[in-house]
């Protein structure tokens, strides 16, 4: 039973410390969050397009070389 009580106490301490640290965080404003989300979305689309084009070109070159 002592181990269970120690585990519960440890969890309470952990979550108390988590709460304390989260209060210290500087959270972004809504406009900063929207701007960052747009940048990430554009980067994902650009990277996806680059990988898609590269894959298509490499696949075409390999088909030419294999024939």
PDB file of N, CA and C in Angstrom:
ATOM      1  N   UNK A   1       0.824  -1.197   0.000  1.00  0.00           N
ATOM      2  CA  UNK A   1       0.000   0.000   0.000  1.00  0.00           C
ATOM      3  C   UNK A   1       0.864   1.254   0.000  1.00  0.00           C
ATOM      4  N   UNK A   2       2.040   1.162   0.592  1.00  0.00           N
ATOM      5  CA  UNK A   2       2.929   2.315   0.668  1.00  0.00           C
ATOM      6  C   UNK A   2       3.409   2.735  -0.719  1.00  0.00           C
ATOM      7  N   UNK A   3       3.625   1.740  -1.600  1.00  0.00           N
ATOM      8  CA  UNK A   3       4.061   2.053  -2.963  1.00  0.00           C
ATOM      9  C   UNK A   3       2.973   2.801  -3.726  1.00  0.00           C
ATOM     10  N   UNK A   4       1.731   2.408  -3.533  1.00  0.00           N
ATOM     11  CA  UNK A   4       0.615   3.072  -4.206  1.00  0.00           C
ATOM     12  C   UNK A   4       0.496   4.514  -3.725  1.00  0.00           C
ATOM     13  N   UNK A   5       0.605   4.726  -2.430  1.00  0.00           N
ATOM     14  CA  UNK A   5       0.534   6.082  -1.881  1.00  0.00           C
ATOM     15  C   UNK A   5       1.679   6.931  -2.399  1.00  0.00           C
ATOM     16  N   UNK A   6       2.866   6.353  -2.504  1.00  0.00           N
ATOM     17  CA  UNK A   6       4.017   7.085  -3.035  1.00  0.00           C
ATOM     18  C   UNK A   6       3.813   7.428  -4.501  1.00  0.00           C
ATOM     19  N   UNK A   7       3.218   6.507  -5.265  1.00  0.00           N
ATOM     20  CA  UNK A   7       2.959   6.758  -6.680  1.00  0.00           C
ATOM     21  C   UNK A   7       1.945   7.882  -6.851  1.00  0.00           C
ATOM     22  N   UNK A   8       0.893   7.863  -6.052  1.00  0.00           N
ATOM     23  CA  UNK A   8      -0.127   8.913  -6.127  1.00  0.00           C
ATOM     24  C   UNK A   8       0.477  10.263  -5.746  1.00  0.00           C
ATOM     25  N   UNK A   9       1.269  10.280  -4.707  1.00  0.00           N
ATOM     26  CA  UNK A   9       1.923  11.522  -4.287  1.00  0.00           C
ATOM     27  C   UNK A   9       2.867  12.026  -5.380  1.00  0.00           C
ATOM     28  N   UNK A  10       3.596  11.100  -5.992  1.00  0.00           N
ATOM     29  CA  UNK A  10       4.501  11.473  -7.079  1.00  0.00           C
ATOM     30  C   UNK A  10       3.758  12.067  -8.261  1.00  0.00           C
ATOM     31  N   UNK A  11       2.617  11.476  -8.599  1.00  0.00           N
ATOM     32  CA  UNK A  11       1.822  11.995  -9.710  1.00  0.00           C
ATOM     33  C   UNK A  11       1.272  13.381  -9.394  1.00  0.00           C
ATOM     34  N   UNK A  12       0.810  13.583  -8.169  1.00  0.00           N
ATOM     35  CA  UNK A  12       0.301  14.899  -7.774  1.00  0.00           C
ATOM     36  C   UNK A  12       1.411  15.944  -7.857  1.00  0.00           C
ATOM     37  N   UNK A  13       2.582  15.573  -7.397  1.00  0.00           N
ATOM     38  CA  UNK A  13       3.728  16.493  -7.465  1.00  0.00           C
ATOM     39  C   UNK A  13       4.055  16.813  -8.915  1.00  0.00           C
ATOM     40  N   UNK A  14       4.087  15.784  -9.754  1.00  0.00           N
ATOM     41  CA  UNK A  14       4.401  15.972 -11.168  1.00  0.00           C
ATOM     42  C   UNK A  14       3.420  16.938 -11.820  1.00  0.00           C
ATOM     43  N   UNK A  15       2.117  16.695 -11.653  1.00  0.00           N
ATOM     44  CA  UNK A  15       1.121  17.541 -12.297  1.00  0.00           C
ATOM     45  C   UNK A  15       1.117  18.954 -11.709  1.00  0.00           C
ATOM     46  N   UNK A  16       1.439  19.086 -10.450  1.00  0.00           N
ATOM     47  CA  UNK A  16       1.573  20.416  -9.864  1.00  0.00           C
ATOM     48  C   UNK A  16       2.717  21.190 -10.496  1.00  0.00           C
ATOM     49  N   UNK A  17       3.831  20.504 -10.727  1.00  0.00           N
ATOM     50  CA  UNK A  17       4.969  21.136 -11.380  1.00  0.00           C
ATOM     51  C   UNK A  17       4.671  21.466 -12.835  1.00  0.00           C
ATOM     52  N   UNK A  18       3.949  20.590 -13.510  1.00  0.00           N
ATOM     53  CA  UNK A  18       3.549  20.854 -14.902  1.00  0.00           C
ATOM     54  C   UNK A  18       2.700  22.118 -14.961  1.00  0.00           C
ATOM     55  N   UNK A  19       1.730  22.231 -14.071  1.00  0.00           N
ATOM     56  CA  UNK A  19       0.860  23.404 -14.036  1.00  0.00           C
ATOM     57  C   UNK A  19       1.685  24.677 -13.790  1.00  0.00           C
ATOM     58  N   UNK A  20       2.639  24.608 -12.877  1.00  0.00           N
ATOM     59  CA  UNK A  20       3.489  25.757 -12.569  1.00  0.00           C
ATOM     60  C   UNK A  20       4.299  26.183 -13.792  1.00  0.00           C
ATOM     61  N   UNK A  21       4.858  25.234 -14.506  1.00  0.00           N
ATOM     62  CA  UNK A  21       5.659  25.546 -15.684  1.00  0.00           C
ATOM     63  C   UNK A  21       4.795  26.098 -16.817  1.00  0.00           C
ATOM     64  N   UNK A  22       3.572  25.576 -16.977  1.00  0.00           N
ATOM     65  CA  UNK A  22       2.699  26.069 -18.041  1.00  0.00           C
ATOM     66  C   UNK A  22       2.275  27.513 -17.800  1.00  0.00           C
ATOM     67  N   UNK A  23       2.174  27.918 -16.543  1.00  0.00           N
ATOM     68  CA  UNK A  23       1.837  29.306 -16.231  1.00  0.00           C
ATOM     69  C   UNK A  23       2.976  30.229 -16.663  1.00  0.00           C
ATOM     70  N   UNK A  24       4.209  29.735 -16.608  1.00  0.00           N
ATOM     71  CA  UNK A  24       5.374  30.528 -16.976  1.00  0.00           C
ATOM     72  C   UNK A  24       5.503  30.714 -18.491  1.00  0.00           C
ATOM     73  N   UNK A  25       4.846  29.862 -19.264  1.00  0.00           N
ATOM     74  CA  UNK A  25       4.966  29.907 -20.722  1.00  0.00           C
ATOM     75  C   UNK A  25       4.362  31.188 -21.279  1.00  0.00           C
ATOM     76  N   UNK A  26       4.960  31.654 -22.376  1.00  0.00           N
ATOM     77  CA  UNK A  26       4.401  32.787 -23.103  1.00  0.00           C
ATOM     78  C   UNK A  26       3.673  32.204 -24.305  1.00  0.00           C
ATOM     79  N   UNK A  27       2.350  32.277 -24.275  1.00  0.00           N
ATOM     80  CA  UNK A  27       1.550  31.695 -25.330  1.00  0.00           C
ATOM     81  C   UNK A  27       1.396  32.684 -26.466  1.00  0.00           C
ATOM     82  N   UNK A  28       1.377  32.214 -27.724  1.00  0.00           N
ATOM     83  CA  UNK A  28       1.232  33.131 -28.863  1.00  0.00           C
ATOM     84  C   UNK A  28      -0.171  33.728 -28.913  1.00  0.00           C
ATOM     85  N   UNK A  29      -0.235  34.910 -29.502  1.00  0.00           N
ATOM     86  CA  UNK A  29      -1.547  35.525 -29.711  1.00  0.00           C
ATOM     87  C   UNK A  29      -2.238  34.791 -30.860  1.00  0.00           C
ATOM     88  N   UNK A  30      -3.510  35.072 -31.024  1.00  0.00           N
ATOM     89  CA  UNK A  30      -4.263  34.398 -32.089  1.00  0.00           C
ATOM     90  C   UNK A  30      -3.690  34.726 -33.461  1.00  0.00           C
ATOM     91  N   UNK A  31      -3.315  35.988 -33.685  1.00  0.00           N
ATOM     92  CA  UNK A  31      -2.772  36.373 -34.996  1.00  0.00           C
ATOM     93  C   UNK A  31      -1.409  35.717 -35.240  1.00  0.00           C
ATOM     94  N   UNK A  32      -0.572  35.592 -34.213  1.00  0.00           N
ATOM     95  CA  UNK A  32       0.710  34.906 -34.365  1.00  0.00           C
ATOM     96  C   UNK A  32       0.491  33.436 -34.693  1.00  0.00           C
ATOM     97  N   UNK A  33      -0.484  32.842 -34.059  1.00  0.00           N
ATOM     98  CA  UNK A  33      -0.784  31.436 -34.296  1.00  0.00           C
ATOM     99  C   UNK A  33      -1.287  31.217 -35.720  1.00  0.00           C
ATOM    100  N   UNK A  34      -2.162  32.102 -36.181  1.00  0.00           N
ATOM    101  CA  UNK A  34      -2.680  31.992 -37.553  1.00  0.00           C
ATOM    102  C   UNK A  34      -1.550  32.179 -38.554  1.00  0.00           C
ATOM    103  N   UNK A  35      -0.686  33.181 -38.336  1.00  0.00           N
ATOM    104  CA  UNK A  35       0.437  33.419 -39.240  1.00  0.00           C
ATOM    105  C   UNK A  35       1.374  32.220 -39.300  1.00  0.00           C
ATOM    106  N   UNK A  36       1.686  31.651 -38.156  1.00  0.00           N
ATOM    107  CA  UNK A  36       2.562  30.484 -38.114  1.00  0.00           C
ATOM    108  C   UNK A  36       1.921  29.288 -38.816  1.00  0.00           C
ATOM    109  N   UNK A  37       0.631  29.114 -38.631  1.00  0.00           N
ATOM    110  CA  UNK A  37      -0.074  28.009 -39.273  1.00  0.00           C
ATOM    111  C   UNK A  37      -0.046  28.153 -40.787  1.00  0.00           C
ATOM    112  N   UNK A  38      -0.226  29.366 -41.275  1.00  0.00           N
ATOM    113  CA  UNK A  38      -0.177  29.611 -42.724  1.00  0.00           C
ATOM    114  C   UNK A  38       1.211  29.309 -43.270  1.00  0.00           C
ATOM    115  N   UNK A  39       2.249  29.731 -42.568  1.00  0.00           N
ATOM    116  CA  UNK A  39       3.624  29.458 -43.006  1.00  0.00           C
ATOM    117  C   UNK A  39       3.879  27.960 -43.066  1.00  0.00           C
ATOM    118  N   UNK A  40       3.435  27.231 -42.057  1.00  0.00           N
ATOM    119  CA  UNK A  40       3.630  25.781 -42.039  1.00  0.00           C
ATOM    120  C   UNK A  40       2.858  25.124 -43.177  1.00  0.00           C
ATOM    121  N   UNK A  41       1.632  25.552 -43.417  1.00  0.00           N
ATOM    122  CA  UNK A  41       0.828  24.965 -44.496  1.00  0.00           C
ATOM    123  C   UNK A  41       1.483  25.204 -45.854  1.00  0.00           C
ATOM    124  N   UNK A  42       1.984  26.412 -46.083  1.00  0.00           N
ATOM    125  CA  UNK A  42       2.657  26.724 -47.350  1.00  0.00           C
ATOM    126  C   UNK A  42       3.926  25.889 -47.497  1.00  0.00           C
ATOM    127  N   UNK A  43       4.690  25.755 -46.411  1.00  0.00           N
ATOM    128  CA  UNK A  43       5.914  24.957 -46.463  1.00  0.00           C
ATOM    129  C   UNK A  43       5.607  23.495 -46.763  1.00  0.00           C
ATOM    130  N   UNK A  44       4.554  22.956 -46.183  1.00  0.00           N
ATOM    131  CA  UNK A  44       4.181  21.549 -46.422  1.00  0.00           C
ATOM    132  C   UNK A  44       3.775  21.355 -47.877  1.00  0.00           C
ATOM    133  N   UNK A  45       2.985  22.275 -48.415  1.00  0.00           N
ATOM    134  CA  UNK A  45       2.561  22.164 -49.806  1.00  0.00           C
ATOM    135  C   UNK A  45       3.765  22.281 -50.743  1.00  0.00           C
ATOM    136  N   UNK A  46       4.656  23.236 -50.477  1.00  0.00           N
ATOM    137  CA  UNK A  46       5.840  23.414 -51.323  1.00  0.00           C
ATOM    138  C   UNK A  46       6.740  22.183 -51.270  1.00  0.00           C
ATOM    139  N   UNK A  47       6.972  21.653 -50.093  1.00  0.00           N
ATOM    140  CA  UNK A  47       7.813  20.465 -49.961  1.00  0.00           C
ATOM    141  C   UNK A  47       7.163  19.264 -50.635  1.00  0.00           C
ATOM    142  N   UNK A  48       5.857  19.121 -50.481  1.00  0.00           N
ATOM    143  CA  UNK A  48       5.148  18.032 -51.143  1.00  0.00           C
ATOM    144  C   UNK A  48       5.237  18.131 -52.653  1.00  0.00           C
ATOM    145  N   UNK A  49       5.103  19.344 -53.173  1.00  0.00           N
ATOM    146  CA  UNK A  49       5.216  19.543 -54.622  1.00  0.00           C
ATOM    147  C   UNK A  49       6.627  19.223 -55.098  1.00  0.00           C
ATOM    148  N   UNK A  50       7.631  19.669 -54.356  1.00  0.00           N
ATOM    149  CA  UNK A  50       9.027  19.399 -54.720  1.00  0.00           C
ATOM    150  C   UNK A  50       9.303  17.897 -54.742  1.00  0.00           C
ATOM    151  N   UNK A  51       8.859  17.199 -53.711  1.00  0.00           N
ATOM    152  CA  UNK A  51       9.080  15.753 -53.652  1.00  0.00           C
ATOM    153  C   UNK A  51       8.317  15.051 -54.768  1.00  0.00           C
ATOM    154  N   UNK A  52       7.099  15.492 -55.054  1.00  0.00           N
ATOM    155  CA  UNK A  52       6.317  14.882 -56.129  1.00  0.00           C
ATOM    156  C   UNK A  52       6.973  15.051 -57.483  1.00  0.00           C
ATOM    157  N   UNK A  53       7.445  16.266 -57.777  1.00  0.00           N
ATOM    158  CA  UNK A  53       8.113  16.530 -59.060  1.00  0.00           C
ATOM    159  C   UNK A  53       9.422  15.743 -59.138  1.00  0.00           C
ATOM    160  N   UNK A  54      10.192  15.749 -58.055  1.00  0.00           N
ATOM    161  CA  UNK A  54      11.453  15.007 -58.041  1.00  0.00           C
ATOM    162  C   UNK A  54      11.214  13.522 -58.261  1.00  0.00           C
ATOM    163  N   UNK A  55      10.216  12.979 -57.619  1.00  0.00           N
ATOM    164  CA  UNK A  55       9.896  11.563 -57.753  1.00  0.00           C
ATOM    165  C   UNK A  55       9.516  11.235 -59.189  1.00  0.00           C
ATOM    166  N   UNK A  56       8.704  12.092 -59.780  1.00  0.00           N
ATOM    167  CA  UNK A  56       8.280  11.862 -61.161  1.00  0.00           C
ATOM    168  C   UNK A  56       9.465  11.905 -62.118  1.00  0.00           C
ATOM    169  N   UNK A  57      10.346  12.889 -61.929  1.00  0.00           N
ATOM    170  CA  UNK A  57      11.517  12.996 -62.799  1.00  0.00           C
ATOM    171  C   UNK A  57      12.462  11.807 -62.634  1.00  0.00           C
ATOM    172  N   UNK A  58      12.730  11.423 -61.415  1.00  0.00           N
ATOM    173  CA  UNK A  58      13.627  10.294 -61.171  1.00  0.00           C
ATOM    174  C   UNK A  58      13.022   8.994 -61.702  1.00  0.00           C
ATOM    175  N   UNK A  59      11.712   8.834 -61.533  1.00  0.00           N
ATOM    176  CA  UNK A  59      11.045   7.645 -62.044  1.00  0.00           C
ATOM    177  C   UNK A  59      11.137   7.601 -63.571  1.00  0.00           C
ATOM    178  N   UNK A  60      10.964   8.738 -64.215  1.00  0.00           N
ATOM    179  CA  UNK A  60      11.087   8.792 -65.676  1.00  0.00           C
ATOM    180  C   UNK A  60      12.499   8.480 -66.138  1.00  0.00           C
ATOM    181  N   UNK A  61      13.498   9.024 -65.439  1.00  0.00           N
ATOM    182  CA  UNK A  61      14.887   8.739 -65.804  1.00  0.00           C
ATOM    183  C   UNK A  61      15.226   7.262 -65.636  1.00  0.00           C
ATOM    184  N   UNK A  62      14.737   6.671 -64.555  1.00  0.00           N
ATOM    185  CA  UNK A  62      15.000   5.247 -64.345  1.00  0.00           C
ATOM    186  C   UNK A  62      14.317   4.388 -65.388  1.00  0.00           C
ATOM    187  N   UNK A  63      13.143   4.770 -65.821  1.00  0.00           N
ATOM    188  CA  UNK A  63      12.470   3.997 -66.886  1.00  0.00           C
ATOM    189  C   UNK A  63      13.264   4.054 -68.175  1.00  0.00           C
ATOM    190  N   UNK A  64      13.839   5.248 -68.463  1.00  0.00           N
ATOM    191  CA  UNK A  64      14.656   5.382 -69.687  1.00  0.00           C
ATOM    192  C   UNK A  64      15.922   4.524 -69.568  1.00  0.00           C
ATOM    193  N   UNK A  65      16.549   4.555 -68.396  1.00  0.00           N
ATOM    194  CA  UNK A  65      17.790   3.800 -68.212  1.00  0.00           C
ATOM    195  C   UNK A  65      17.570   2.295 -68.214  1.00  0.00           C
ATOM    196  N   UNK A  66      16.431   1.844 -67.692  1.00  0.00           N
ATOM    197  CA  UNK A  66      16.158   0.415 -67.616  1.00  0.00           C
ATOM    198  C   UNK A  66      15.835  -0.159 -68.979  1.00  0.00           C
ATOM    199  N   UNK A  67      15.206   0.589 -69.840  1.00  0.00           N
ATOM    200  CA  UNK A  67      14.831   0.075 -71.177  1.00  0.00           C
ATOM    201  C   UNK A  67      15.988  -0.124 -72.054  1.00  0.00           C
TER     202      UNK A  67
END
